[in-house]
PDB file of all heavy atoms in Angstrom:
ATOM      1  N   ALA A   1       0.836   8.979   4.567  1.00  0.00           N
ATOM      2  CA  ALA A   1       2.292   8.876   4.520  1.00  0.00           C
ATOM      3  C   ALA A   1       2.961   9.676   5.630  1.00  0.00           C
ATOM      4  O   ALA A   1       4.117   9.428   5.971  1.00  0.00           O
ATOM      5  CB  ALA A   1       2.807   9.338   3.164  1.00  0.00           C
ATOM      6  N   THR A   2       2.245  10.646   6.218  1.00  0.00           N
ATOM      7  CA  THR A   2       2.819  11.466   7.285  1.00  0.00           C
ATOM      8  C   THR A   2       2.764  10.771   8.645  1.00  0.00           C
ATOM      9  O   THR A   2       3.382  11.241   9.597  1.00  0.00           O
ATOM     10  CB  THR A   2       2.076  12.805   7.391  1.00  0.00           C
ATOM     11  OG1 THR A   2       0.663  12.553   7.496  1.00  0.00           O
ATOM     12  CG2 THR A   2       2.333  13.669   6.168  1.00  0.00           C
ATOM     13  N   ASP A   3       2.016   9.681   8.754  1.00  0.00           N
ATOM     14  CA  ASP A   3       1.935   8.974  10.030  1.00  0.00           C
ATOM     15  C   ASP A   3       3.283   8.343  10.366  1.00  0.00           C
ATOM     16  O   ASP A   3       3.930   7.759   9.489  1.00  0.00           O
ATOM     17  CB  ASP A   3       0.860   7.887   9.947  1.00  0.00           C
ATOM     18  CG  ASP A   3       0.524   7.294  11.302  1.00  0.00           C
ATOM     19  OD1 ASP A   3       1.349   6.504  11.814  1.00  0.00           O
ATOM     20  OD2 ASP A   3      -0.548   7.609  11.837  1.00  0.00           O
ATOM     21  N   PRO A   4       3.740   8.444  11.627  1.00  0.00           N
ATOM     22  CA  PRO A   4       5.051   7.870  11.993  1.00  0.00           C
ATOM     23  C   PRO A   4       5.179   6.383  11.682  1.00  0.00           C
ATOM     24  O   PRO A   4       6.274   5.889  11.436  1.00  0.00           O
ATOM     25  CB  PRO A   4       5.133   8.132  13.502  1.00  0.00           C
ATOM     26  CG  PRO A   4       4.233   9.300  13.745  1.00  0.00           C
ATOM     27  CD  PRO A   4       3.117   9.165  12.753  1.00  0.00           C
ATOM     28  N   GLY A   5       4.077   5.665  11.680  1.00  0.00           N
ATOM     29  CA  GLY A   5       4.139   4.235  11.420  1.00  0.00           C
ATOM     30  C   GLY A   5       4.105   3.862   9.951  1.00  0.00           C
ATOM     31  O   GLY A   5       4.207   2.682   9.600  1.00  0.00           O
ATOM     32  N   ALA A   6       3.966   4.862   9.080  1.00  0.00           N
ATOM     33  CA  ALA A   6       3.800   4.589   7.653  1.00  0.00           C
ATOM     34  C   ALA A   6       5.150   4.462   6.955  1.00  0.00           C
ATOM     35  O   ALA A   6       5.558   5.315   6.168  1.00  0.00           O
ATOM     36  CB  ALA A   6       2.961   5.684   7.012  1.00  0.00           C
ATOM     37  N   THR A   7       5.840   3.383   7.228  1.00  0.00           N
ATOM     38  CA  THR A   7       7.142   3.119   6.621  1.00  0.00           C
ATOM     39  C   THR A   7       6.955   2.258   5.364  1.00  0.00           C
ATOM     40  O   THR A   7       5.859   1.771   5.083  1.00  0.00           O
ATOM     41  CB  THR A   7       8.046   2.378   7.608  1.00  0.00           C
ATOM     42  OG1 THR A   7       7.407   1.114   7.933  1.00  0.00           O
ATOM     43  CG2 THR A   7       8.239   3.183   8.889  1.00  0.00           C
ATOM     44  N   GLY A   8       8.052   2.035   4.648  1.00  0.00           N
ATOM     45  CA  GLY A   8       7.990   1.176   3.481  1.00  0.00           C
ATOM     46  C   GLY A   8       7.538  -0.230   3.821  1.00  0.00           C
ATOM     47  O   GLY A   8       6.746  -0.846   3.091  1.00  0.00           O
ATOM     48  N   SER A   9       8.018  -0.756   4.951  1.00  0.00           N
ATOM     49  CA  SER A   9       7.626  -2.107   5.356  1.00  0.00           C
ATOM     50  C   SER A   9       6.145  -2.159   5.730  1.00  0.00           C
ATOM     51  O   SER A   9       5.473  -3.178   5.511  1.00  0.00           O
ATOM     52  CB  SER A   9       8.484  -2.577   6.527  1.00  0.00           C
ATOM     53  OG  SER A   9       8.334  -1.714   7.648  1.00  0.00           O
ATOM     54  N   TYR A  10       5.626  -1.069   6.295  1.00  0.00           N
ATOM     55  CA  TYR A  10       4.197  -1.014   6.628  1.00  0.00           C
ATOM     56  C   TYR A  10       3.359  -1.169   5.359  1.00  0.00           C
ATOM     57  O   TYR A  10       2.408  -1.964   5.310  1.00  0.00           O
ATOM     58  CB  TYR A  10       3.855   0.300   7.329  1.00  0.00           C
ATOM     59  CG  TYR A  10       2.368   0.596   7.341  1.00  0.00           C
ATOM     60  CD1 TYR A  10       1.531  -0.003   8.280  1.00  0.00           C
ATOM     61  CD2 TYR A  10       1.801   1.454   6.392  1.00  0.00           C
ATOM     62  CE1 TYR A  10       0.158   0.245   8.282  1.00  0.00           C
ATOM     63  CE2 TYR A  10       0.435   1.706   6.385  1.00  0.00           C
ATOM     64  CZ  TYR A  10      -0.377   1.103   7.324  1.00  0.00           C
ATOM     65  OH  TYR A  10      -1.727   1.348   7.315  1.00  0.00           O
ATOM     66  N   TYR A  11       3.699  -0.403   4.320  1.00  0.00           N
ATOM     67  CA  TYR A  11       2.925  -0.483   3.083  1.00  0.00           C
ATOM     68  C   TYR A  11       3.099  -1.847   2.414  1.00  0.00           C
ATOM     69  O   TYR A  11       2.156  -2.363   1.808  1.00  0.00           O
ATOM     70  CB  TYR A  11       3.305   0.647   2.130  1.00  0.00           C
ATOM     71  CG  TYR A  11       2.792   1.992   2.588  1.00  0.00           C
ATOM     72  CD1 TYR A  11       3.661   2.972   3.058  1.00  0.00           C
ATOM     73  CD2 TYR A  11       1.425   2.281   2.570  1.00  0.00           C
ATOM     74  CE1 TYR A  11       3.186   4.204   3.493  1.00  0.00           C
ATOM     75  CE2 TYR A  11       0.940   3.508   3.008  1.00  0.00           C
ATOM     76  CZ  TYR A  11       1.829   4.461   3.472  1.00  0.00           C
ATOM     77  OH  TYR A  11       1.346   5.666   3.905  1.00  0.00           O
ATOM     78  N   ALA A  12       4.279  -2.434   2.521  1.00  0.00           N
ATOM     79  CA  ALA A  12       4.485  -3.780   1.977  1.00  0.00           C
ATOM     80  C   ALA A  12       3.553  -4.779   2.660  1.00  0.00           C
ATOM     81  O   ALA A  12       2.975  -5.661   2.006  1.00  0.00           O
ATOM     82  CB  ALA A  12       5.949  -4.189   2.144  1.00  0.00           C
ATOM     83  N   ASP A  13       3.390  -4.640   3.974  1.00  0.00           N
ATOM     84  CA  ASP A  13       2.478  -5.520   4.712  1.00  0.00           C
ATOM     85  C   ASP A  13       1.029  -5.318   4.271  1.00  0.00           C
ATOM     86  O   ASP A  13       0.266  -6.274   4.109  1.00  0.00           O
ATOM     87  CB  ASP A  13       2.591  -5.263   6.216  1.00  0.00           C
ATOM     88  CG  ASP A  13       3.903  -5.749   6.803  1.00  0.00           C
ATOM     89  OD1 ASP A  13       4.576  -6.564   6.140  1.00  0.00           O
ATOM     90  OD2 ASP A  13       4.261  -5.305   7.907  1.00  0.00           O
ATOM     91  N   ARG A  14       0.640  -4.056   4.083  1.00  0.00           N
ATOM     92  CA  ARG A  14      -0.727  -3.752   3.651  1.00  0.00           C
ATOM     93  C   ARG A  14      -1.006  -4.303   2.252  1.00  0.00           C
ATOM     94  O   ARG A  14      -2.095  -4.828   1.980  1.00  0.00           O
ATOM     95  CB  ARG A  14      -0.964  -2.235   3.656  1.00  0.00           C
ATOM     96  CG  ARG A  14      -0.909  -1.560   5.010  1.00  0.00           C
ATOM     97  CD  ARG A  14      -2.193  -1.767   5.807  1.00  0.00           C
ATOM     98  NE  ARG A  14      -2.201  -3.042   6.532  1.00  0.00           N
ATOM     99  CZ  ARG A  14      -3.282  -3.605   7.061  1.00  0.00           C
ATOM    100  NH1 ARG A  14      -4.455  -3.016   6.927  1.00  0.00           N
ATOM    101  NH2 ARG A  14      -3.195  -4.733   7.701  1.00  0.00           N
ATOM    102  N   VAL A  15      -0.025  -4.187   1.371  1.00  0.00           N
ATOM    103  CA  VAL A  15      -0.173  -4.732   0.018  1.00  0.00           C
ATOM    104  C   VAL A  15      -0.301  -6.249   0.077  1.00  0.00           C
ATOM    105  O   VAL A  15      -1.131  -6.848  -0.620  1.00  0.00           O
ATOM    106  CB  VAL A  15       1.016  -4.308  -0.870  1.00  0.00           C
ATOM    107  CG1 VAL A  15       1.063  -5.132  -2.164  1.00  0.00           C
ATOM    108  CG2 VAL A  15       0.914  -2.827  -1.196  1.00  0.00           C
ATOM    109  N   ALA A  16       0.490  -6.896   0.931  1.00  0.00           N
ATOM    110  CA  ALA A  16       0.416  -8.349   1.073  1.00  0.00           C
ATOM    111  C   ALA A  16      -0.969  -8.779   1.528  1.00  0.00           C
ATOM    112  O   ALA A  16      -1.515  -9.787   1.048  1.00  0.00           O
ATOM    113  CB  ALA A  16       1.479  -8.831   2.059  1.00  0.00           C
ATOM    114  N   VAL A  17      -1.569  -8.020   2.432  1.00  0.00           N
ATOM    115  CA  VAL A  17      -2.932  -8.325   2.895  1.00  0.00           C
ATOM    116  C   VAL A  17      -3.915  -8.213   1.731  1.00  0.00           C
ATOM    117  O   VAL A  17      -4.775  -9.078   1.524  1.00  0.00           O
ATOM    118  CB  VAL A  17      -3.335  -7.371   4.039  1.00  0.00           C
ATOM    119  CG1 VAL A  17      -4.826  -7.500   4.352  1.00  0.00           C
ATOM    120  CG2 VAL A  17      -2.517  -7.660   5.286  1.00  0.00           C
ATOM    121  N   ALA A  18      -3.792  -7.143   0.949  1.00  0.00           N
ATOM    122  CA  ALA A  18      -4.712  -6.934  -0.169  1.00  0.00           C
ATOM    123  C   ALA A  18      -4.588  -8.035  -1.217  1.00  0.00           C
ATOM    124  O   ALA A  18      -5.587  -8.462  -1.806  1.00  0.00           O
ATOM    125  CB  ALA A  18      -4.447  -5.568  -0.802  1.00  0.00           C
ATOM    126  N   LEU A  19      -3.372  -8.506  -1.441  1.00  0.00           N
ATOM    127  CA  LEU A  19      -3.144  -9.501  -2.487  1.00  0.00           C
ATOM    128  C   LEU A  19      -3.606 -10.904  -2.093  1.00  0.00           C
ATOM    129  O   LEU A  19      -3.684 -11.791  -2.950  1.00  0.00           O
ATOM    130  CB  LEU A  19      -1.663  -9.536  -2.865  1.00  0.00           C
ATOM    131  CG  LEU A  19      -1.117  -8.269  -3.554  1.00  0.00           C
ATOM    132  CD1 LEU A  19       0.370  -8.407  -3.824  1.00  0.00           C
ATOM    133  CD2 LEU A  19      -1.879  -7.983  -4.847  1.00  0.00           C
ATOM    134  N   LYS A  20      -3.941 -11.109  -0.823  1.00  0.00           N
ATOM    135  CA  LYS A  20      -4.401 -12.431  -0.384  1.00  0.00           C
ATOM    136  C   LYS A  20      -5.703 -12.846  -1.078  1.00  0.00           C
ATOM    137  O   LYS A  20      -6.003 -14.045  -1.179  1.00  0.00           O
ATOM    138  CB  LYS A  20      -4.606 -12.443   1.135  1.00  0.00           C
ATOM    139  CG  LYS A  20      -3.306 -12.482   1.932  1.00  0.00           C
ATOM    140  CD  LYS A  20      -3.593 -12.501   3.421  1.00  0.00           C
ATOM    141  CE  LYS A  20      -2.294 -12.565   4.223  1.00  0.00           C
ATOM    142  NZ  LYS A  20      -2.548 -12.553   5.696  1.00  0.00           N
ATOM    143  N   SER A  21      -6.466 -11.875  -1.552  1.00  0.00           N
ATOM    144  CA  SER A  21      -7.734 -12.198  -2.221  1.00  0.00           C
ATOM    145  C   SER A  21      -7.532 -12.577  -3.685  1.00  0.00           C
ATOM    146  O   SER A  21      -8.509 -12.799  -4.403  1.00  0.00           O
ATOM    147  CB  SER A  21      -8.700 -11.005  -2.126  1.00  0.00           C
ATOM    148  OG  SER A  21      -8.153  -9.871  -2.808  1.00  0.00           O
ATOM    149  N   ASN A  22      -6.271 -12.637  -4.123  1.00  0.00           N
ATOM    150  CA  ASN A  22      -5.952 -12.977  -5.510  1.00  0.00           C
ATOM    151  C   ASN A  22      -6.740 -12.117  -6.494  1.00  0.00           C
ATOM    152  O   ASN A  22      -7.491 -12.612  -7.347  1.00  0.00           O
ATOM    153  CB  ASN A  22      -6.239 -14.468  -5.775  1.00  0.00           C
ATOM    154  CG  ASN A  22      -5.669 -14.928  -7.107  1.00  0.00           C
ATOM    155  OD1 ASN A  22      -4.671 -14.395  -7.590  1.00  0.00           O
ATOM    156  ND2 ASN A  22      -6.316 -15.908  -7.719  1.00  0.00           N
ATOM    157  N   PRO A  23      -6.581 -10.793  -6.412  1.00  0.00           N
ATOM    158  CA  PRO A  23      -7.427  -9.896  -7.211  1.00  0.00           C
ATOM    159  C   PRO A  23      -7.036  -9.855  -8.690  1.00  0.00           C
ATOM    160  O   PRO A  23      -5.890 -10.099  -9.060  1.00  0.00           O
ATOM    161  CB  PRO A  23      -7.178  -8.536  -6.554  1.00  0.00           C
ATOM    162  CG  PRO A  23      -5.769  -8.635  -6.030  1.00  0.00           C
ATOM    163  CD  PRO A  23      -5.624 -10.064  -5.561  1.00  0.00           C
ATOM    164  N   ASP A  24      -8.026  -9.508  -9.520  1.00  0.00           N
ATOM    165  CA  ASP A  24      -7.772  -9.189 -10.927  1.00  0.00           C
ATOM    166  C   ASP A  24      -7.246  -7.763 -11.052  1.00  0.00           C
ATOM    167  O   ASP A  24      -6.559  -7.427 -12.014  1.00  0.00           O
ATOM    168  CB  ASP A  24      -9.064  -9.264 -11.752  1.00  0.00           C
ATOM    169  CG  ASP A  24      -9.756 -10.607 -11.639  1.00  0.00           C
ATOM    170  OD1 ASP A  24      -9.060 -11.625 -11.742  1.00  0.00           O
ATOM    171  OD2 ASP A  24     -10.988 -10.622 -11.444  1.00  0.00           O
ATOM    172  N   LEU A  25      -7.638  -6.920 -10.093  1.00  0.00           N
ATOM    173  CA  LEU A  25      -7.296  -5.499 -10.138  1.00  0.00           C
ATOM    174  C   LEU A  25      -7.038  -4.997  -8.731  1.00  0.00           C
ATOM    175  O   LEU A  25      -7.787  -5.324  -7.798  1.00  0.00           O
ATOM    176  CB  LEU A  25      -8.442  -4.690 -10.765  1.00  0.00           C
ATOM    177  CG  LEU A  25      -8.286  -3.166 -10.758  1.00  0.00           C
ATOM    178  CD1 LEU A  25      -7.239  -2.725 -11.776  1.00  0.00           C
ATOM    179  CD2 LEU A  25      -9.618  -2.475 -11.035  1.00  0.00           C
ATOM    180  N   VAL A  26      -5.999  -4.192  -8.570  1.00  0.00           N
ATOM    181  CA  VAL A  26      -5.739  -3.482  -7.318  1.00  0.00           C
ATOM    182  C   VAL A  26      -6.071  -2.010  -7.550  1.00  0.00           C
ATOM    183  O   VAL A  26      -5.544  -1.386  -8.479  1.00  0.00           O
ATOM    184  CB  VAL A  26      -4.270  -3.622  -6.879  1.00  0.00           C
ATOM    185  CG1 VAL A  26      -3.995  -2.773  -5.635  1.00  0.00           C
ATOM    186  CG2 VAL A  26      -3.943  -5.089  -6.598  1.00  0.00           C
ATOM    187  N   TYR A  27      -6.974  -1.477  -6.726  1.00  0.00           N
ATOM    188  CA  TYR A  27      -7.365  -0.066  -6.825  1.00  0.00           C
ATOM    189  C   TYR A  27      -6.771   0.673  -5.630  1.00  0.00           C
ATOM    190  O   TYR A  27      -7.010   0.295  -4.481  1.00  0.00           O
ATOM    191  CB  TYR A  27      -8.891   0.065  -6.833  1.00  0.00           C
ATOM    192  CG  TYR A  27      -9.395   1.494  -6.801  1.00  0.00           C
ATOM    193  CD1 TYR A  27      -9.221   2.342  -7.887  1.00  0.00           C
ATOM    194  CD2 TYR A  27     -10.061   1.987  -5.680  1.00  0.00           C
ATOM    195  CE1 TYR A  27      -9.690   3.644  -7.864  1.00  0.00           C
ATOM    196  CE2 TYR A  27     -10.543   3.285  -5.641  1.00  0.00           C
ATOM    197  CZ  TYR A  27     -10.356   4.124  -6.743  1.00  0.00           C
ATOM    198  OH  TYR A  27     -10.817   5.419  -6.713  1.00  0.00           O
ATOM    199  N   VAL A  28      -5.996   1.722  -5.893  1.00  0.00           N
ATOM    200  CA  VAL A  28      -5.281   2.446  -4.849  1.00  0.00           C
ATOM    201  C   VAL A  28      -5.882   3.841  -4.711  1.00  0.00           C
ATOM    202  O   VAL A  28      -5.685   4.711  -5.566  1.00  0.00           O
ATOM    203  CB  VAL A  28      -3.775   2.543  -5.172  1.00  0.00           C
ATOM    204  CG1 VAL A  28      -3.034   3.246  -4.038  1.00  0.00           C
ATOM    205  CG2 VAL A  28      -3.192   1.154  -5.421  1.00  0.00           C
ATOM    206  N   SER A  29      -6.642   4.065  -3.649  1.00  0.00           N
ATOM    207  CA  SER A  29      -7.257   5.372  -3.402  1.00  0.00           C
ATOM    208  C   SER A  29      -6.548   6.034  -2.228  1.00  0.00           C
ATOM    209  O   SER A  29      -6.965   5.935  -1.069  1.00  0.00           O
ATOM    210  CB  SER A  29      -8.757   5.210  -3.117  1.00  0.00           C
ATOM    211  OG  SER A  29      -9.401   6.468  -3.150  1.00  0.00           O
ATOM    212  N   THR A  30      -5.429   6.672  -2.543  1.00  0.00           N
ATOM    213  CA  THR A  30      -4.596   7.359  -1.553  1.00  0.00           C
ATOM    214  C   THR A  30      -4.107   8.655  -2.171  1.00  0.00           C
ATOM    215  O   THR A  30      -4.302   8.902  -3.365  1.00  0.00           O
ATOM    216  CB  THR A  30      -3.361   6.518  -1.180  1.00  0.00           C
ATOM    217  OG1 THR A  30      -2.545   6.355  -2.362  1.00  0.00           O
ATOM    218  CG2 THR A  30      -3.743   5.152  -0.648  1.00  0.00           C
ATOM    219  N   TYR A  31      -3.451   9.490  -1.364  1.00  0.00           N
ATOM    220  CA  TYR A  31      -2.692  10.610  -1.920  1.00  0.00           C
ATOM    221  C   TYR A  31      -1.319  10.091  -2.325  1.00  0.00           C
ATOM    222  O   TYR A  31      -0.857   9.049  -1.860  1.00  0.00           O
ATOM    223  CB  TYR A  31      -2.602  11.750  -0.913  1.00  0.00           C
ATOM    224  CG  TYR A  31      -3.903  12.521  -0.796  1.00  0.00           C
ATOM    225  CD1 TYR A  31      -4.837  12.197   0.181  1.00  0.00           C
ATOM    226  CD2 TYR A  31      -4.206  13.530  -1.695  1.00  0.00           C
ATOM    227  CE1 TYR A  31      -6.041  12.876   0.270  1.00  0.00           C
ATOM    228  CE2 TYR A  31      -5.410  14.223  -1.612  1.00  0.00           C
ATOM    229  CZ  TYR A  31      -6.318  13.896  -0.632  1.00  0.00           C
ATOM    230  OH  TYR A  31      -7.520  14.559  -0.554  1.00  0.00           O
ATOM    231  N   PHE A  32      -0.654  10.835  -3.214  1.00  0.00           N
ATOM    232  CA  PHE A  32       0.519  10.285  -3.894  1.00  0.00           C
ATOM    233  C   PHE A  32       1.669   9.845  -2.988  1.00  0.00           C
ATOM    234  O   PHE A  32       2.366   8.885  -3.344  1.00  0.00           O
ATOM    235  CB  PHE A  32       1.030  11.270  -4.957  1.00  0.00           C
ATOM    236  CG  PHE A  32       1.788  12.442  -4.417  1.00  0.00           C
ATOM    237  CD1 PHE A  32       3.162  12.392  -4.272  1.00  0.00           C
ATOM    238  CD2 PHE A  32       1.135  13.609  -4.048  1.00  0.00           C
ATOM    239  CE1 PHE A  32       3.867  13.479  -3.763  1.00  0.00           C
ATOM    240  CE2 PHE A  32       1.823  14.687  -3.550  1.00  0.00           C
ATOM    241  CZ  PHE A  32       3.199  14.631  -3.407  1.00  0.00           C
ATOM    242  N   PRO A  33       1.934  10.469  -1.834  1.00  0.00           N
ATOM    243  CA  PRO A  33       3.060   9.950  -1.037  1.00  0.00           C
ATOM    244  C   PRO A  33       2.857   8.494  -0.612  1.00  0.00           C
ATOM    245  O   PRO A  33       3.800   7.695  -0.629  1.00  0.00           O
ATOM    246  CB  PRO A  33       3.107  10.900   0.164  1.00  0.00           C
ATOM    247  CG  PRO A  33       2.498  12.174  -0.342  1.00  0.00           C
ATOM    248  CD  PRO A  33       1.392  11.711  -1.230  1.00  0.00           C
ATOM    249  N   ALA A  34       1.618   8.151  -0.245  1.00  0.00           N
ATOM    250  CA  ALA A  34       1.326   6.752   0.088  1.00  0.00           C
ATOM    251  C   ALA A  34       1.291   5.902  -1.174  1.00  0.00           C
ATOM    252  O   ALA A  34       1.728   4.745  -1.179  1.00  0.00           O
ATOM    253  CB  ALA A  34      -0.005   6.650   0.829  1.00  0.00           C
ATOM    254  N   GLY A  35       0.778   6.472  -2.267  1.00  0.00           N
ATOM    255  CA  GLY A  35       0.707   5.748  -3.526  1.00  0.00           C
ATOM    256  C   GLY A  35       2.072   5.309  -4.025  1.00  0.00           C
ATOM    257  O   GLY A  35       2.219   4.217  -4.594  1.00  0.00           O
ATOM    258  N   VAL A  36       3.081   6.147  -3.812  1.00  0.00           N
ATOM    259  CA  VAL A  36       4.448   5.782  -4.211  1.00  0.00           C
ATOM    260  C   VAL A  36       4.893   4.525  -3.474  1.00  0.00           C
ATOM    261  O   VAL A  36       5.437   3.584  -4.073  1.00  0.00           O
ATOM    262  CB  VAL A  36       5.425   6.944  -3.927  1.00  0.00           C
ATOM    263  CG1 VAL A  36       6.875   6.484  -4.083  1.00  0.00           C
ATOM    264  CG2 VAL A  36       5.153   8.115  -4.859  1.00  0.00           C
ATOM    265  N   GLN A  37       4.656   4.493  -2.171  1.00  0.00           N
ATOM    266  CA  GLN A  37       5.064   3.342  -1.370  1.00  0.00           C
ATOM    267  C   GLN A  37       4.305   2.081  -1.791  1.00  0.00           C
ATOM    268  O   GLN A  37       4.873   0.975  -1.830  1.00  0.00           O
ATOM    269  CB  GLN A  37       4.827   3.628   0.117  1.00  0.00           C
ATOM    270  CG  GLN A  37       5.630   4.782   0.669  1.00  0.00           C
ATOM    271  CD  GLN A  37       7.128   4.537   0.595  1.00  0.00           C
ATOM    272  OE1 GLN A  37       7.596   3.403   0.692  1.00  0.00           O
ATOM    273  NE2 GLN A  37       7.899   5.602   0.423  1.00  0.00           N
ATOM    274  N   ILE A  38       3.039   2.234  -2.121  1.00  0.00           N
ATOM    275  CA  ILE A  38       2.241   1.085  -2.554  1.00  0.00           C
ATOM    276  C   ILE A  38       2.722   0.591  -3.916  1.00  0.00           C
ATOM    277  O   ILE A  38       2.812  -0.621  -4.157  1.00  0.00           O
ATOM    278  CB  ILE A  38       0.746   1.462  -2.581  1.00  0.00           C
ATOM    279  CG1 ILE A  38       0.253   1.661  -1.139  1.00  0.00           C
ATOM    280  CG2 ILE A  38      -0.078   0.397  -3.299  1.00  0.00           C
ATOM    281  CD1 ILE A  38      -1.135   2.252  -1.042  1.00  0.00           C
ATOM    282  N   ALA A  39       3.040   1.511  -4.816  1.00  0.00           N
ATOM    283  CA  ALA A  39       3.556   1.115  -6.129  1.00  0.00           C
ATOM    284  C   ALA A  39       4.863   0.341  -5.988  1.00  0.00           C
ATOM    285  O   ALA A  39       5.086  -0.659  -6.679  1.00  0.00           O
ATOM    286  CB  ALA A  39       3.758   2.350  -7.007  1.00  0.00           C
ATOM    287  N   LYS A  40       5.722   0.791  -5.084  1.00  0.00           N
ATOM    288  CA  LYS A  40       6.985   0.086  -4.852  1.00  0.00           C
ATOM    289  C   LYS A  40       6.726  -1.319  -4.293  1.00  0.00           C
ATOM    290  O   LYS A  40       7.368  -2.301  -4.699  1.00  0.00           O
ATOM    291  CB  LYS A  40       7.856   0.892  -3.884  1.00  0.00           C
ATOM    292  CG  LYS A  40       8.423   2.191  -4.471  1.00  0.00           C
ATOM    293  CD  LYS A  40       9.273   2.922  -3.447  1.00  0.00           C
ATOM    294  CE  LYS A  40       9.847   4.209  -4.016  1.00  0.00           C
ATOM    295  NZ  LYS A  40      10.811   3.952  -5.114  1.00  0.00           N
TER     296      LYS A  40
END
């Protein structure tokens, strides 16, 4: 989350990539600042 490029839109793009596999479960292994953005 401290990286200059780690904006809300960045995490939205990453989540969109992960969801392309049509998963049953999303597992988020991050520290909480990034986890907040992924949850959103």
